[in-house]
């Protein structure tokens, strides 16, 4: 499916190449069954090999993954056919240990990390943004809780992709480079309890 999909997408977009292609998830049993590629591991490896061929032909500049844990990334790296440029996953101070391990693994192996849902996902945002410690730090810096979380992600050596169609929110999201969180503030944010994430079932799956 990958070998036919990418050329069709390039033609539809009117492009000769794309800068980055991600495998969106390590997979689930339903997708593996529908695709007919075998196990989830076989699907991941088969897809990566197909994408690497397109990269060798100059149709893709960089290959990456999304919601992959250390085990999944290690399997891809062991193929030794194309480096993982980036791993995109939910990341804020209260993600699970599985997410923190994935980010640490990326930093250790030169894989860039892109943080989505840095203010909490749709199912957790309301719980995240009202935390007292976050409000306290935001007030101290005369920033919003959302800006503090974006700044936290930047200081954790990740790139951030907050999504909004609101021009005022876009301006606010960019206004995070005139302050810095102290080590104590970073520790205070990290000391809070985690929140349950839908993406845990992907990042932490053992297969």
Protein backbone atom coordinates (compact mmCIF):
# COMPACT_ATOMS: atom_id res chain seq x y z
CA UNK A 1 0.00 0.00 0.00
CA UNK A 2 2.85 2.40 0.80
CA UNK A 3 4.45 1.87 -2.62
CA UNK A 4 1.31 3.02 -4.42
CA UNK A 5 0.11 5.66 -1.95
CA UNK A 6 3.14 7.97 -1.90
CA UNK A 7 3.46 8.53 -5.69
CA UNK A 8 -0.26 9.21 -5.84
CA UNK A 9 -0.01 11.74 -3.00
CA UNK A 10 2.93 13.54 -4.61
CA UNK A 11 1.00 13.81 -7.85
CA UNK A 12 -2.10 15.08 -6.03
CA UNK A 13 -0.04 17.70 -4.19
CA UNK A 14 1.91 18.71 -7.28
CA UNK A 15 5.25 18.06 -5.58
CA UNK A 16 8.45 16.33 -6.63
CA UNK A 17 9.29 15.35 -3.05
CA UNK A 18 8.22 15.83 0.57
CA UNK A 19 10.47 16.91 3.43
CA UNK A 20 9.20 14.44 6.01
CA UNK A 21 6.99 11.36 6.18
CA UNK A 22 5.95 9.80 9.49
CA UNK A 23 4.61 6.38 10.36
CA UNK A 24 1.71 7.61 12.47
CA UNK A 25 1.48 4.73 14.96
CA UNK A 26 3.25 1.49 15.83
CA UNK A 27 -0.03 -0.10 14.76
CA UNK A 28 -2.83 -2.12 16.21
CA UNK A 29 -4.27 -5.53 15.50
CA UNK A 30 -7.11 -4.14 13.40
CA UNK A 31 -4.79 -2.22 11.07
CA UNK A 32 -2.43 -5.16 10.74
CA UNK A 33 -5.33 -7.41 9.81
CA UNK A 34 -6.74 -4.95 7.27
CA UNK A 35 -3.40 -4.31 5.59
CA UNK A 36 -2.58 -8.00 5.32
CA UNK A 37 1.07 -7.42 6.20
CA UNK A 38 1.12 -9.84 9.14
CA UNK A 39 2.02 -8.83 12.69
CA UNK A 40 2.33 -5.24 13.88
CA UNK A 41 6.13 -5.58 13.80
CA UNK A 42 6.03 -6.89 10.24
CA UNK A 43 3.80 -3.98 9.22
CA UNK A 44 6.16 -1.43 10.79
CA UNK A 45 9.25 -2.93 9.19
CA UNK A 46 7.63 -3.42 5.79
CA UNK A 47 6.39 0.17 5.77
CA UNK A 48 9.81 1.50 6.79
CA UNK A 49 11.55 -0.47 4.04
CA UNK A 50 9.13 0.89 1.43
CA UNK A 51 9.60 4.46 2.66
CA UNK A 52 13.38 4.03 2.69
CA UNK A 53 13.26 3.08 -0.99
CA UNK A 54 11.41 6.31 -1.76
CA UNK A 55 13.97 8.23 0.28
CA UNK A 56 16.79 6.67 -1.74
CA UNK A 57 15.02 7.85 -4.91
CA UNK A 58 14.79 11.41 -3.59
CA UNK A 59 11.02 11.45 -3.14
CA UNK A 60 11.30 11.80 0.65
CA UNK A 61 13.95 13.85 2.44
CA UNK A 62 13.48 12.53 5.99
CA UNK A 63 11.69 9.61 7.63
CA UNK A 64 10.16 9.68 11.08
CA UNK A 65 7.73 7.98 13.42
CA UNK A 66 4.94 8.99 15.75
CA UNK A 67 3.88 7.49 19.09
CA UNK A 68 6.76 4.98 18.96
CA UNK A 69 8.34 3.65 22.15
CA UNK A 70 12.01 2.61 22.57
CA UNK A 71 11.31 -1.00 21.53
CA UNK A 72 9.66 0.08 18.28
CA UNK A 73 12.45 2.53 17.46
CA UNK A 74 15.14 -0.04 18.25
CA UNK A 75 13.54 -2.47 15.80
CA UNK A 76 13.53 0.16 13.05
CA UNK A 77 17.11 1.21 13.79
CA UNK A 78 18.26 -2.42 13.63
CA UNK A 79 17.20 -2.55 9.97
CA UNK A 80 20.09 -0.14 9.25
CA UNK A 81 18.51 1.21 6.08
CA UNK A 82 17.43 4.76 7.05
CA UNK A 83 17.84 6.84 10.21
CA UNK A 84 14.84 7.95 12.25
CA UNK A 85 14.82 11.74 11.94
CA UNK A 86 12.05 12.49 14.41
CA UNK A 87 9.51 10.95 16.79
CA UNK A 88 6.28 12.90 17.26
CA UNK A 89 4.33 12.23 20.43
CA UNK A 90 2.23 13.85 23.13
CA UNK A 91 4.51 15.56 25.61
CA UNK A 92 3.91 17.78 28.64
CA UNK A 93 5.01 17.53 32.30
CA UNK A 94 2.29 15.02 33.18
CA UNK A 95 2.62 12.38 30.50
CA UNK A 96 3.22 8.80 31.56
CA UNK A 97 6.57 7.20 32.28
CA UNK A 98 6.36 5.50 28.88
CA UNK A 99 6.38 8.88 27.13
CA UNK A 100 9.28 10.15 29.24
CA UNK A 101 11.28 7.01 28.41
CA UNK A 102 10.56 7.48 24.71
CA UNK A 103 11.80 11.09 24.79
CA UNK A 104 14.92 10.12 26.74
CA UNK A 105 15.66 7.35 24.22
CA UNK A 106 15.31 9.84 21.34
CA UNK A 107 17.72 12.30 22.96
CA UNK A 108 20.23 9.54 23.56
CA UNK A 109 20.13 8.44 19.92
CA UNK A 110 20.04 11.77 18.12
CA UNK A 111 16.35 11.55 17.19
CA UNK A 112 14.52 14.89 17.25
CA UNK A 113 11.34 15.02 19.32
CA UNK A 114 8.24 16.90 18.19
CA UNK A 115 5.68 17.51 20.92
CA UNK A 116 1.99 17.58 20.13
CA UNK A 117 -0.78 18.19 22.66
CA UNK A 118 1.73 20.13 24.76
CA UNK A 119 -1.15 21.68 26.65
CA UNK A 120 -2.82 18.32 27.13
CA UNK A 121 -4.87 16.35 24.64
CA UNK A 122 -8.63 16.77 24.10
CA UNK A 123 -9.37 14.34 26.90
CA UNK A 124 -6.88 15.85 29.41
CA UNK A 125 -6.52 19.57 28.59
CA UNK A 126 -9.08 20.74 31.14
CA UNK A 127 -7.33 18.75 33.88
CA UNK A 128 -3.87 20.04 32.92
CA UNK A 129 -4.42 23.78 32.48
CA UNK A 130 -6.16 24.29 35.85
CA UNK A 131 -3.42 22.80 38.02
CA UNK A 132 -2.48 25.13 40.86
CA UNK A 133 1.28 24.86 40.37
CA UNK A 134 0.91 25.76 36.71
CA UNK A 135 -1.22 28.78 37.51
CA UNK A 136 1.28 29.92 40.14
CA UNK A 137 4.21 29.76 37.73
CA UNK A 138 2.21 31.47 34.98
CA UNK A 139 1.30 34.34 37.31
CA UNK A 140 4.93 34.76 38.38
CA UNK A 141 6.02 35.23 34.76
CA UNK A 142 2.91 37.17 33.67
CA UNK A 143 2.18 34.47 31.13
CA UNK A 144 -0.72 32.11 30.51
CA UNK A 145 -0.65 28.46 31.66
CA UNK A 146 -0.50 27.45 27.98
CA UNK A 147 2.60 29.58 27.41
CA UNK A 148 4.30 28.02 30.43
CA UNK A 149 3.68 24.53 29.05
CA UNK A 150 5.03 25.49 25.62
CA UNK A 151 8.10 27.00 27.27
CA UNK A 152 8.56 23.82 29.33
CA UNK A 153 8.57 21.72 26.16
CA UNK A 154 11.14 24.01 24.51
CA UNK A 155 13.41 23.78 27.56
CA UNK A 156 13.06 19.99 27.43
CA UNK A 157 14.78 20.12 24.02
CA UNK A 158 11.74 19.36 21.89
CA UNK A 159 10.06 21.20 19.04
CA UNK A 160 6.41 22.05 19.60
CA UNK A 161 3.45 22.07 17.22
CA UNK A 162 0.49 23.67 19.02
CA UNK A 163 -2.59 23.59 16.84
CA UNK A 164 -4.95 26.55 16.58
CA UNK A 165 -6.85 28.49 13.96
CA UNK A 166 -7.22 31.51 16.25
CA UNK A 167 -4.84 34.39 15.30
CA UNK A 168 -4.70 35.60 18.92
CA UNK A 169 -3.71 32.14 20.13
CA UNK A 170 -1.07 31.93 17.38
CA UNK A 171 0.44 35.20 18.59
CA UNK A 172 0.34 34.01 22.20
CA UNK A 173 1.97 30.68 21.30
CA UNK A 174 4.91 32.50 19.71
CA UNK A 175 5.37 34.82 22.68
CA UNK A 176 7.38 32.37 24.79
CA UNK A 177 10.96 33.48 24.12
CA UNK A 178 11.18 36.40 26.55
CA UNK A 179 11.20 34.33 29.73
CA UNK A 180 12.74 31.15 31.09
CA UNK A 181 11.57 28.65 33.67
CA UNK A 182 13.94 28.12 36.57
CA UNK A 183 15.24 24.70 37.54
CA UNK A 184 12.95 24.75 40.57
CA UNK A 185 9.92 25.58 38.43
CA UNK A 186 10.77 22.78 36.01
CA UNK A 187 11.01 20.40 38.98
CA UNK A 188 7.71 21.61 40.41
CA UNK A 189 5.96 20.91 37.13
CA UNK A 190 7.58 17.49 36.82
CA UNK A 191 6.61 16.52 40.38
CA UNK A 192 2.88 16.56 39.63
CA UNK A 193 0.88 13.38 39.13
CA UNK A 194 0.49 12.00 35.61
CA UNK A 195 -2.77 11.99 33.68
CA UNK A 196 -4.11 9.03 31.70
CA UNK A 197 -3.41 9.33 27.97
CA UNK A 198 -5.11 7.61 25.07
CA UNK A 199 -1.71 7.43 23.32
CA UNK A 200 -0.26 5.28 26.12
CA UNK A 201 -1.66 2.23 24.38
CA UNK A 202 0.69 2.92 21.47
CA UNK A 203 3.87 4.28 23.09
CA UNK A 204 3.87 1.65 25.80
CA UNK A 205 2.75 -1.41 23.86
CA UNK A 206 5.25 -4.28 24.00
CA UNK A 207 4.76 -5.66 20.49
